[in-house]
Amino acid sequence: MRAKEPPKSRREEYSEATRQALLDAGRAAFAANGFQAAGMEAISRAARVTRGAFYHHFEDKKALFDAVVVAMQREAAARIEAAARNERKIWDRLSAGIEAYLDACEEPDYARIVIQEAQAVLGEPRYREIEETYPTALLIATLRALKRDGELNADDVDLLSRMIDAMICKIGLLLPHTDDPRKLRKDGQKIVATVLETFRRKV
């Protein structure tokens, strides 16, 4: 039996609440104004904390932005898992997961912070690390499951996963700039499905 965790002290609860307030305020500021225009003073005021409290939790604005991106990618992964859980067949779970991810891409906060700005602000290595810890990890796990069950004919499943992920992310990048998001999603998902179909082994 798993040992029961001791209750958090009042100081620990306050520290967690302060950190969450900064994350919430940072997310709102980055979504509304972008990383460059968002100011630490304004974020601290919105979170109702001192500048000293800000620096207690985050080294600088970039560190806060990093934490916001991690939180948003964790949320996106949870949504993908929840959508996939409703499907019995793995191929259907894959489709449901892609649909859930594109739903997230159409949300203004996610589109601006994660899709449009995160890679430039954090750099490619860190951005990829976060992505592969959350949404991409689910895609890799799903395709590995298909390979394991003999339903996927691919020698390098991880490479295929990353290439499919790149296609899906490209759809996400294009969504904010199209006049017809529904058509773009439909056409993009058809292309992704067509590529995946070439690796599908009939059982």
Protein backbone atom coordinates (compact mmCIF):
# COMPACT_ATOMS: atom_id res chain seq x y z
CA MET A 1 0.00 0.00 0.00
CA ARG A 2 1.28 3.45 -0.89
CA ALA A 3 2.21 5.50 2.15
CA LYS A 4 0.01 8.49 2.76
CA GLU A 5 1.79 11.76 2.07
CA PRO A 6 2.05 14.10 5.04
CA PRO A 7 -0.13 17.20 4.85
CA LYS A 8 1.49 20.31 3.43
CA SER A 9 2.47 23.03 5.83
CA ARG A 10 0.81 26.43 5.61
CA ARG A 11 4.06 27.84 4.19
CA GLU A 12 4.13 25.15 1.47
CA GLU A 13 0.49 25.81 0.61
CA TYR A 14 1.16 29.54 0.39
CA SER A 15 4.23 28.97 -1.78
CA GLU A 16 2.27 26.75 -4.18
CA ALA A 17 -0.58 29.27 -4.32
CA THR A 18 1.88 32.09 -5.07
CA ARG A 19 3.54 30.10 -7.84
CA GLN A 20 0.16 29.23 -9.37
CA ALA A 21 -0.92 32.88 -9.22
CA LEU A 22 2.23 33.86 -11.12
CA LEU A 23 1.61 31.12 -13.70
CA ASP A 24 -1.96 32.31 -14.21
CA ALA A 25 -0.94 35.96 -14.47
CA GLY A 26 1.95 35.12 -16.78
CA ARG A 27 -0.25 33.05 -19.04
CA ALA A 28 -2.76 35.89 -19.33
CA ALA A 29 -0.03 38.46 -20.04
CA PHE A 30 1.82 36.33 -22.60
CA ALA A 31 -1.43 35.49 -24.40
CA ALA A 32 -2.60 39.11 -24.50
CA ASN A 33 0.68 40.93 -25.18
CA GLY A 34 3.26 38.37 -26.29
CA PHE A 35 6.49 37.50 -24.48
CA GLN A 36 8.44 40.64 -25.33
CA ALA A 37 5.73 43.11 -24.29
CA ALA A 38 4.72 41.30 -21.10
CA GLY A 39 6.39 42.96 -18.10
CA MET A 40 7.40 41.31 -14.83
CA GLU A 41 6.06 44.24 -12.81
CA ALA A 42 2.64 43.96 -14.43
CA ILE A 43 2.63 40.19 -14.00
CA SER A 44 3.56 40.52 -10.32
CA ARG A 45 0.80 43.08 -9.75
CA ALA A 46 -1.75 40.88 -11.51
CA ALA A 47 -0.69 37.95 -9.33
CA ARG A 48 -0.82 40.23 -6.25
CA VAL A 49 2.72 39.36 -5.22
CA THR A 50 5.91 41.34 -4.74
CA ARG A 51 8.76 41.39 -7.22
CA GLY A 52 10.79 39.52 -4.60
CA ALA A 53 8.18 36.75 -4.59
CA PHE A 54 8.44 36.58 -8.36
CA TYR A 55 12.20 36.02 -8.17
CA HIS A 56 11.76 33.48 -5.38
CA HIS A 57 9.85 31.24 -7.79
CA PHE A 58 11.32 32.17 -11.18
CA GLU A 59 14.78 33.31 -12.19
CA ASP A 60 13.42 35.69 -14.82
CA LYS A 61 10.56 36.21 -17.27
CA LYS A 62 11.85 33.49 -19.56
CA ALA A 63 11.77 30.97 -16.71
CA LEU A 64 8.14 31.90 -16.05
CA PHE A 65 7.34 31.56 -19.75
CA ASP A 66 8.98 28.12 -19.76
CA ALA A 67 6.83 27.04 -16.81
CA VAL A 68 3.69 28.35 -18.52
CA VAL A 69 4.49 26.38 -21.69
CA VAL A 70 5.10 23.22 -19.65
CA ALA A 71 1.77 23.66 -17.87
CA MET A 72 -0.08 24.24 -21.14
CA GLN A 73 1.52 21.23 -22.82
CA ARG A 74 0.65 19.11 -19.81
CA GLU A 75 -2.96 20.29 -20.09
CA ALA A 76 -3.00 19.54 -23.83
CA ALA A 77 -1.66 16.03 -23.19
CA ALA A 78 -4.36 15.43 -20.58
CA ARG A 79 -7.03 16.49 -23.07
CA ILE A 80 -5.58 14.20 -25.73
CA GLU A 81 -5.54 11.27 -23.31
CA ALA A 82 -9.12 11.97 -22.23
CA ALA A 83 -10.34 12.06 -25.83
CA ALA A 84 -8.46 8.89 -26.80
CA ARG A 85 -9.75 7.02 -23.75
CA ASN A 86 -13.26 7.09 -25.16
CA GLU A 87 -12.23 4.98 -28.17
CA ARG A 88 -11.80 1.20 -28.10
CA LYS A 89 -9.60 0.74 -31.16
CA ILE A 90 -6.07 2.17 -31.19
CA TRP A 91 -6.47 3.70 -34.66
CA ASP A 92 -9.58 5.52 -33.42
CA ARG A 93 -7.69 6.69 -30.33
CA LEU A 94 -5.04 8.12 -32.64
CA SER A 95 -7.63 10.07 -34.65
CA ALA A 96 -9.36 11.31 -31.50
CA GLY A 97 -6.04 12.45 -30.07
CA ILE A 98 -5.14 14.40 -33.18
CA GLU A 99 -8.57 16.03 -33.14
CA ALA A 100 -8.15 17.03 -29.48
CA TYR A 101 -4.71 18.50 -30.15
CA LEU A 102 -6.01 20.61 -33.04
CA ASP A 103 -8.84 21.80 -30.80
CA ALA A 104 -6.17 23.12 -28.43
CA CYS A 105 -4.33 24.79 -31.32
CA GLU A 106 -7.45 26.81 -32.12
CA GLU A 107 -7.62 28.26 -28.62
CA PRO A 108 -6.10 31.78 -28.63
CA ASP A 109 -3.90 31.31 -25.53
CA TYR A 110 -2.38 28.06 -26.80
CA ALA A 111 -2.02 29.34 -30.34
CA ARG A 112 -0.07 32.42 -29.32
CA ILE A 113 2.04 31.05 -26.47
CA VAL A 114 2.81 27.47 -27.51
CA ILE A 115 2.39 27.47 -31.27
CA GLN A 116 3.58 30.92 -32.27
CA GLU A 117 6.09 32.02 -29.62
CA ALA A 118 7.45 29.12 -27.56
CA GLN A 119 10.02 27.86 -30.04
CA ALA A 120 11.50 31.31 -30.66
CA VAL A 121 11.58 32.25 -26.96
CA LEU A 122 12.84 28.96 -25.52
CA GLY A 123 14.95 27.76 -28.42
CA GLU A 124 14.48 24.61 -30.49
CA PRO A 125 16.12 22.11 -28.06
CA ARG A 126 14.05 23.17 -25.03
CA TYR A 127 10.84 23.52 -27.04
CA ARG A 128 11.31 20.02 -28.47
CA GLU A 129 12.10 18.61 -25.03
CA ILE A 130 8.82 19.91 -23.61
CA GLU A 131 6.81 18.78 -26.61
CA GLU A 132 8.29 15.29 -26.53
CA THR A 133 7.54 14.98 -22.81
CA TYR A 134 3.83 15.63 -23.35
CA PRO A 135 1.88 15.60 -26.68
CA THR A 136 4.54 13.88 -28.80
CA ALA A 137 5.10 11.23 -26.14
CA LEU A 138 1.46 10.19 -26.48
CA LEU A 139 1.74 9.96 -30.27
CA ILE A 140 4.89 7.84 -29.99
CA ALA A 141 3.23 5.55 -27.43
CA THR A 142 0.17 5.10 -29.67
CA LEU A 143 2.17 4.21 -32.77
CA ARG A 144 4.35 1.86 -30.72
CA ALA A 145 1.16 0.13 -29.54
CA LEU A 146 0.04 -0.29 -33.15
CA LYS A 147 3.46 -1.71 -34.04
CA ARG A 148 3.32 -4.07 -31.07
CA ASP A 149 -0.11 -5.33 -32.13
CA GLY A 150 1.05 -5.91 -35.71
CA GLU A 151 -1.09 -3.13 -37.14
CA LEU A 152 1.73 -0.83 -38.21
CA ASN A 153 4.35 -1.68 -40.81
CA ALA A 154 7.17 0.74 -39.94
CA ASP A 155 10.81 -0.06 -39.21
CA ASP A 156 11.45 3.12 -37.20
CA VAL A 157 8.28 3.95 -35.29
CA ASP A 158 9.84 6.82 -33.37
CA LEU A 159 10.98 8.54 -36.57
CA LEU A 160 7.56 8.04 -38.13
CA SER A 161 5.95 9.48 -34.98
CA ARG A 162 8.10 12.60 -35.12
CA MET A 163 7.40 13.15 -38.80
CA ILE A 164 3.66 12.76 -38.25
CA ASP A 165 3.96 15.10 -35.29
CA ALA A 166 5.67 17.68 -37.52
CA MET A 167 2.77 17.51 -39.98
CA ILE A 168 0.19 17.94 -37.23
CA CYS A 169 2.13 20.86 -35.73
CA LYS A 170 2.26 22.50 -39.16
CA ILE A 171 -1.53 22.39 -39.32
CA GLY A 172 -1.56 24.06 -35.90
CA LEU A 173 0.80 26.77 -37.14
CA LEU A 174 -1.38 27.51 -40.15
CA LEU A 175 -4.73 27.57 -38.32
CA PRO A 176 -4.48 31.15 -36.96
CA HIS A 177 -3.74 32.49 -40.45
CA THR A 178 -6.49 30.87 -42.48
CA ASP A 179 -9.94 32.22 -43.32
CA ASP A 180 -11.41 28.73 -43.14
CA PRO A 181 -9.99 26.77 -40.16
CA ARG A 182 -12.52 23.97 -40.58
CA LYS A 183 -11.44 23.30 -44.17
CA LEU A 184 -7.75 23.51 -43.28
CA ARG A 185 -8.22 21.01 -40.46
CA LYS A 186 -10.20 18.64 -42.65
CA ASP A 187 -7.71 18.79 -45.51
CA GLY A 188 -4.71 18.56 -43.19
CA GLN A 189 -6.08 15.61 -41.28
CA LYS A 190 -6.85 13.85 -44.56
CA ILE A 191 -3.20 14.21 -45.58
CA VAL A 192 -1.99 12.88 -42.22
CA ALA A 193 -4.43 9.97 -42.43
CA THR A 194 -3.29 9.16 -45.98
CA VAL A 195 0.35 9.03 -44.89
CA LEU A 196 -0.49 6.83 -41.90
CA GLU A 197 -2.57 4.55 -44.10
CA THR A 198 0.52 3.67 -46.15
CA PHE A 199 2.03 2.14 -42.98
CA ARG A 200 -1.13 0.40 -41.85
CA ARG A 201 -0.97 -3.37 -41.95
CA LYS A 202 -4.29 -5.06 -42.61
CA VAL A 203 -5.06 -7.64 -39.97
